[in-house]
Amino acid sequence: MATRRSGVPQGVATALTFTVGAALGVVAGMIFAPESGKQLRKRFSLQAKALGRTSLKQIHQAKILLSKQAGKLRTAAITAYEQAKKHVTNGHRPFPRRAVHHAVRHA
């Protein structure tokens, strides 16, 4: 999963951007709507429900992506640990940190 410079995963950033844009669209629609209050409230309610459903779907997708990434990171950490243990057990000096960082970074 791609990560932005801010450290926020790309999928989460996209979901957040979409949610903020949708909320701004709803507000702009309310301001410029030539409808009665009752119609406007009904439309707003429907749009809010749709936004809620979309947000829940995107949150679910973000959870799945984060879970997959956590699994990859866990596997990389276990692999690095096993390699370091084997390296030291064979009588070598302690395992170089750069190798551990490399294993985790490329998970």
N, C-alpha and C. Protein backbone atom coordinates (compact mmCIF):
# COMPACT_ATOMS: atom_id res chain seq x y z
N MET A 1 0.86 -1.17 0.00
CA MET A 1 0.00 0.00 0.00
C MET A 1 0.91 1.23 0.00
N ALA A 2 0.61 2.16 -0.86
CA ALA A 2 1.39 3.38 -0.97
C ALA A 2 1.15 4.27 0.25
N THR A 3 2.21 4.95 0.67
CA THR A 3 2.11 5.85 1.81
C THR A 3 2.55 7.22 1.36
N ARG A 4 1.80 8.22 1.78
CA ARG A 4 2.15 9.59 1.43
C ARG A 4 3.29 10.06 2.30
N ARG A 5 3.88 11.20 1.95
CA ARG A 5 4.97 11.76 2.74
C ARG A 5 4.55 12.03 4.17
N SER A 6 3.29 12.33 4.40
CA SER A 6 2.80 12.62 5.74
C SER A 6 2.71 11.36 6.60
N GLY A 7 2.88 10.18 5.99
CA GLY A 7 2.78 8.93 6.72
C GLY A 7 1.39 8.33 6.69
N VAL A 8 0.45 9.03 6.07
CA VAL A 8 -0.93 8.53 5.97
C VAL A 8 -1.03 7.64 4.75
N PRO A 9 -1.55 6.42 4.91
CA PRO A 9 -1.71 5.55 3.74
C PRO A 9 -2.57 6.20 2.66
N GLN A 10 -2.23 5.96 1.41
CA GLN A 10 -2.91 6.59 0.28
C GLN A 10 -4.41 6.33 0.30
N GLY A 11 -4.85 5.12 0.62
CA GLY A 11 -6.28 4.80 0.64
C GLY A 11 -7.03 5.60 1.67
N VAL A 12 -6.42 5.79 2.85
CA VAL A 12 -7.06 6.57 3.91
C VAL A 12 -7.15 8.03 3.49
N ALA A 13 -6.08 8.55 2.90
CA ALA A 13 -6.08 9.94 2.44
C ALA A 13 -7.14 10.16 1.37
N THR A 14 -7.29 9.21 0.47
CA THR A 14 -8.30 9.31 -0.58
C THR A 14 -9.70 9.30 0.01
N ALA A 15 -9.94 8.40 0.97
CA ALA A 15 -11.25 8.31 1.62
C ALA A 15 -11.57 9.61 2.35
N LEU A 16 -10.59 10.16 3.04
CA LEU A 16 -10.79 11.40 3.77
C LEU A 16 -11.08 12.55 2.81
N THR A 17 -10.32 12.63 1.73
CA THR A 17 -10.54 13.67 0.73
C THR A 17 -11.94 13.58 0.14
N PHE A 18 -12.36 12.36 -0.19
CA PHE A 18 -13.70 12.17 -0.74
C PHE A 18 -14.77 12.60 0.26
N THR A 19 -14.62 12.21 1.50
CA THR A 19 -15.61 12.54 2.53
C THR A 19 -15.72 14.05 2.73
N VAL A 20 -14.58 14.73 2.80
CA VAL A 20 -14.59 16.19 2.97
C VAL A 20 -15.23 16.85 1.75
N GLY A 21 -14.88 16.38 0.56
CA GLY A 21 -15.46 16.95 -0.67
C GLY A 21 -16.97 16.75 -0.72
N ALA A 22 -17.41 15.56 -0.32
CA ALA A 22 -18.86 15.29 -0.31
C ALA A 22 -19.57 16.20 0.69
N ALA A 23 -18.99 16.38 1.86
CA ALA A 23 -19.60 17.25 2.87
C ALA A 23 -19.67 18.69 2.37
N LEU A 24 -18.61 19.16 1.73
CA LEU A 24 -18.63 20.52 1.17
C LEU A 24 -19.68 20.65 0.07
N GLY A 25 -19.84 19.60 -0.72
CA GLY A 25 -20.86 19.62 -1.77
C GLY A 25 -22.26 19.70 -1.19
N VAL A 26 -22.50 18.99 -0.10
CA VAL A 26 -23.80 19.04 0.55
C VAL A 26 -24.08 20.45 1.07
N VAL A 27 -23.09 21.05 1.71
CA VAL A 27 -23.26 22.40 2.26
C VAL A 27 -23.51 23.40 1.12
N ALA A 28 -22.72 23.30 0.05
CA ALA A 28 -22.91 24.22 -1.08
C ALA A 28 -24.30 24.01 -1.70
N GLY A 29 -24.74 22.79 -1.79
CA GLY A 29 -26.07 22.50 -2.32
C GLY A 29 -27.17 23.12 -1.46
N MET A 30 -26.99 23.09 -0.15
CA MET A 30 -27.98 23.68 0.74
C MET A 30 -28.03 25.20 0.59
N ILE A 31 -26.88 25.79 0.42
CA ILE A 31 -26.81 27.25 0.33
C ILE A 31 -27.47 27.75 -0.96
N PHE A 32 -27.22 27.07 -2.04
CA PHE A 32 -27.71 27.55 -3.34
C PHE A 32 -28.99 26.86 -3.83
N ALA A 33 -29.61 26.09 -2.99
CA ALA A 33 -30.80 25.33 -3.40
C ALA A 33 -32.04 26.23 -3.44
N PRO A 34 -32.78 26.18 -4.54
CA PRO A 34 -34.02 26.95 -4.63
C PRO A 34 -35.23 26.11 -4.21
N GLU A 35 -35.11 25.41 -3.08
CA GLU A 35 -36.18 24.53 -2.62
C GLU A 35 -36.73 25.02 -1.28
N SER A 36 -37.90 24.50 -0.93
CA SER A 36 -38.48 24.83 0.37
C SER A 36 -37.69 24.13 1.47
N GLY A 37 -37.88 24.57 2.69
CA GLY A 37 -37.17 23.99 3.83
C GLY A 37 -37.44 22.51 4.00
N LYS A 38 -38.70 22.11 3.81
CA LYS A 38 -39.07 20.71 3.98
C LYS A 38 -38.38 19.83 2.94
N GLN A 39 -38.41 20.27 1.68
CA GLN A 39 -37.75 19.52 0.61
C GLN A 39 -36.24 19.48 0.84
N LEU A 40 -35.71 20.61 1.26
CA LEU A 40 -34.28 20.69 1.49
C LEU A 40 -33.85 19.75 2.61
N ARG A 41 -34.63 19.70 3.70
CA ARG A 41 -34.29 18.81 4.81
C ARG A 41 -34.36 17.34 4.38
N LYS A 42 -35.35 17.01 3.59
CA LYS A 42 -35.48 15.63 3.10
C LYS A 42 -34.29 15.27 2.21
N ARG A 43 -33.95 16.16 1.29
CA ARG A 43 -32.81 15.91 0.41
C ARG A 43 -31.52 15.82 1.21
N PHE A 44 -31.38 16.72 2.18
CA PHE A 44 -30.18 16.70 3.02
C PHE A 44 -30.09 15.37 3.78
N SER A 45 -31.22 14.91 4.29
CA SER A 45 -31.25 13.64 5.03
C SER A 45 -30.82 12.48 4.13
N LEU A 46 -31.34 12.45 2.91
CA LEU A 46 -30.97 11.39 1.97
C LEU A 46 -29.49 11.45 1.62
N GLN A 47 -28.99 12.66 1.39
CA GLN A 47 -27.58 12.81 1.05
C GLN A 47 -26.69 12.44 2.23
N ALA A 48 -27.11 12.79 3.44
CA ALA A 48 -26.33 12.45 4.63
C ALA A 48 -26.28 10.93 4.81
N LYS A 49 -27.39 10.25 4.58
CA LYS A 49 -27.40 8.79 4.68
C LYS A 49 -26.48 8.17 3.62
N ALA A 50 -26.54 8.69 2.40
CA ALA A 50 -25.68 8.17 1.34
C ALA A 50 -24.21 8.41 1.68
N LEU A 51 -23.91 9.59 2.20
CA LEU A 51 -22.54 9.91 2.61
C LEU A 51 -22.09 8.98 3.73
N GLY A 52 -22.98 8.69 4.66
CA GLY A 52 -22.66 7.77 5.75
C GLY A 52 -22.34 6.38 5.23
N ARG A 53 -23.15 5.89 4.29
CA ARG A 53 -22.89 4.57 3.71
C ARG A 53 -21.55 4.54 2.99
N THR A 54 -21.30 5.59 2.20
CA THR A 54 -20.04 5.66 1.46
C THR A 54 -18.86 5.71 2.43
N SER A 55 -19.00 6.52 3.47
CA SER A 55 -17.91 6.63 4.45
C SER A 55 -17.65 5.30 5.14
N LEU A 56 -18.71 4.60 5.51
CA LEU A 56 -18.54 3.30 6.17
C LEU A 56 -17.85 2.30 5.25
N LYS A 57 -18.22 2.32 3.96
CA LYS A 57 -17.56 1.43 3.00
C LYS A 57 -16.07 1.74 2.90
N GLN A 58 -15.75 3.03 2.83
CA GLN A 58 -14.35 3.41 2.69
C GLN A 58 -13.57 3.13 3.97
N ILE A 59 -14.19 3.30 5.12
CA ILE A 59 -13.53 2.96 6.37
C ILE A 59 -13.26 1.46 6.42
N HIS A 60 -14.23 0.68 5.98
CA HIS A 60 -14.05 -0.78 5.93
C HIS A 60 -12.88 -1.15 5.01
N GLN A 61 -12.82 -0.52 3.85
CA GLN A 61 -11.72 -0.79 2.91
C GLN A 61 -10.38 -0.39 3.52
N ALA A 62 -10.35 0.74 4.22
CA ALA A 62 -9.11 1.19 4.86
C ALA A 62 -8.68 0.19 5.94
N LYS A 63 -9.65 -0.33 6.70
CA LYS A 63 -9.32 -1.33 7.73
C LYS A 63 -8.70 -2.57 7.09
N ILE A 64 -9.27 -3.00 5.97
CA ILE A 64 -8.75 -4.18 5.28
C ILE A 64 -7.31 -3.93 4.81
N LEU A 65 -7.10 -2.76 4.20
CA LEU A 65 -5.75 -2.43 3.72
C LEU A 65 -4.76 -2.35 4.87
N LEU A 66 -5.16 -1.71 5.97
CA LEU A 66 -4.27 -1.59 7.12
C LEU A 66 -3.99 -2.96 7.73
N SER A 67 -4.98 -3.83 7.76
CA SER A 67 -4.79 -5.17 8.29
C SER A 67 -3.79 -5.95 7.43
N LYS A 68 -3.92 -5.84 6.11
CA LYS A 68 -2.98 -6.52 5.22
C LYS A 68 -1.56 -5.99 5.42
N GLN A 69 -1.45 -4.67 5.54
CA GLN A 69 -0.13 -4.06 5.72
C GLN A 69 0.48 -4.49 7.05
N ALA A 70 -0.34 -4.57 8.09
CA ALA A 70 0.15 -5.00 9.40
C ALA A 70 0.63 -6.45 9.33
N GLY A 71 -0.09 -7.28 8.59
CA GLY A 71 0.33 -8.67 8.41
C GLY A 71 1.67 -8.77 7.70
N LYS A 72 1.85 -7.96 6.66
CA LYS A 72 3.12 -7.95 5.94
C LYS A 72 4.26 -7.48 6.85
N LEU A 73 3.99 -6.46 7.63
CA LEU A 73 5.00 -5.93 8.54
C LEU A 73 5.37 -6.96 9.60
N ARG A 74 4.36 -7.66 10.12
CA ARG A 74 4.60 -8.69 11.13
C ARG A 74 5.46 -9.80 10.54
N THR A 75 5.13 -10.24 9.33
CA THR A 75 5.91 -11.28 8.66
C THR A 75 7.35 -10.84 8.45
N ALA A 76 7.53 -9.59 8.02
CA ALA A 76 8.89 -9.06 7.79
C ALA A 76 9.67 -9.00 9.10
N ALA A 77 9.00 -8.60 10.18
CA ALA A 77 9.68 -8.51 11.48
C ALA A 77 10.09 -9.90 11.96
N ILE A 78 9.21 -10.88 11.80
CA ILE A 78 9.54 -12.25 12.21
C ILE A 78 10.70 -12.79 11.37
N THR A 79 10.66 -12.54 10.07
CA THR A 79 11.74 -12.98 9.19
C THR A 79 13.06 -12.34 9.59
N ALA A 80 13.05 -11.03 9.84
CA ALA A 80 14.26 -10.33 10.25
C ALA A 80 14.79 -10.87 11.57
N TYR A 81 13.87 -11.15 12.50
CA TYR A 81 14.27 -11.70 13.80
C TYR A 81 14.92 -13.07 13.61
N GLU A 82 14.30 -13.92 12.81
CA GLU A 82 14.84 -15.26 12.58
C GLU A 82 16.21 -15.19 11.90
N GLN A 83 16.36 -14.29 10.95
CA GLN A 83 17.66 -14.13 10.26
C GLN A 83 18.71 -13.63 11.24
N ALA A 84 18.35 -12.69 12.08
CA ALA A 84 19.29 -12.16 13.07
C ALA A 84 19.69 -13.24 14.06
N LYS A 85 18.72 -14.01 14.51
CA LYS A 85 18.98 -15.09 15.47
C LYS A 85 19.94 -16.12 14.85
N LYS A 86 19.68 -16.49 13.59
CA LYS A 86 20.53 -17.45 12.90
C LYS A 86 21.93 -16.88 12.70
N HIS A 87 21.98 -15.62 12.37
CA HIS A 87 23.26 -14.94 12.12
C HIS A 87 24.11 -14.95 13.39
N VAL A 88 23.53 -14.61 14.53
CA VAL A 88 24.27 -14.55 15.79
C VAL A 88 24.60 -15.96 16.28
N THR A 89 23.67 -16.90 16.09
CA THR A 89 23.89 -18.29 16.52
C THR A 89 25.07 -18.92 15.79
N ASN A 90 25.29 -18.51 14.56
CA ASN A 90 26.40 -19.04 13.77
C ASN A 90 27.74 -18.41 14.14
N GLY A 91 27.76 -17.62 15.19
CA GLY A 91 29.02 -17.05 15.68
C GLY A 91 29.40 -15.72 15.07
N HIS A 92 28.51 -15.11 14.34
CA HIS A 92 28.81 -13.82 13.73
C HIS A 92 28.51 -12.70 14.73
N ARG A 93 28.98 -11.54 14.37
CA ARG A 93 28.66 -10.37 15.19
C ARG A 93 27.16 -10.11 15.12
N PRO A 94 26.66 -9.26 16.00
CA PRO A 94 25.21 -8.95 15.96
C PRO A 94 24.79 -8.52 14.56
N PHE A 95 23.58 -8.87 14.24
CA PHE A 95 23.01 -8.62 12.92
C PHE A 95 22.99 -7.12 12.63
N PRO A 96 23.44 -6.72 11.45
CA PRO A 96 23.45 -5.28 11.13
C PRO A 96 22.04 -4.70 11.08
N ARG A 97 21.89 -3.53 11.65
CA ARG A 97 20.57 -2.87 11.68
C ARG A 97 20.05 -2.58 10.28
N ARG A 98 20.94 -2.24 9.36
CA ARG A 98 20.48 -1.89 8.02
C ARG A 98 19.75 -3.05 7.36
N ALA A 99 20.15 -4.27 7.67
CA ALA A 99 19.45 -5.43 7.09
C ALA A 99 18.06 -5.57 7.66
N VAL A 100 17.90 -5.29 8.94
CA VAL A 100 16.58 -5.34 9.57
C VAL A 100 15.70 -4.24 8.99
N HIS A 101 16.25 -3.03 8.89
CA HIS A 101 15.49 -1.92 8.31
C HIS A 101 15.08 -2.24 6.88
N HIS A 102 15.99 -2.85 6.14
CA HIS A 102 15.70 -3.20 4.74
C HIS A 102 14.55 -4.21 4.68
N ALA A 103 14.59 -5.21 5.54
CA ALA A 103 13.54 -6.25 5.54
C ALA A 103 12.18 -5.65 5.87
N VAL A 104 12.13 -4.76 6.84
CA VAL A 104 10.87 -4.16 7.24
C VAL A 104 10.38 -3.16 6.19
N ARG A 105 11.28 -2.38 5.63
CA ARG A 105 10.91 -1.37 4.64
C ARG A 105 10.34 -2.00 3.39
N HIS A 106 10.80 -3.18 3.03
CA HIS A 106 10.37 -3.83 1.79
C HIS A 106 9.34 -4.92 2.03
N ALA A 107 8.61 -4.78 3.13
CA ALA A 107 7.56 -5.77 3.45
C ALA A 107 6.38 -5.59 2.56
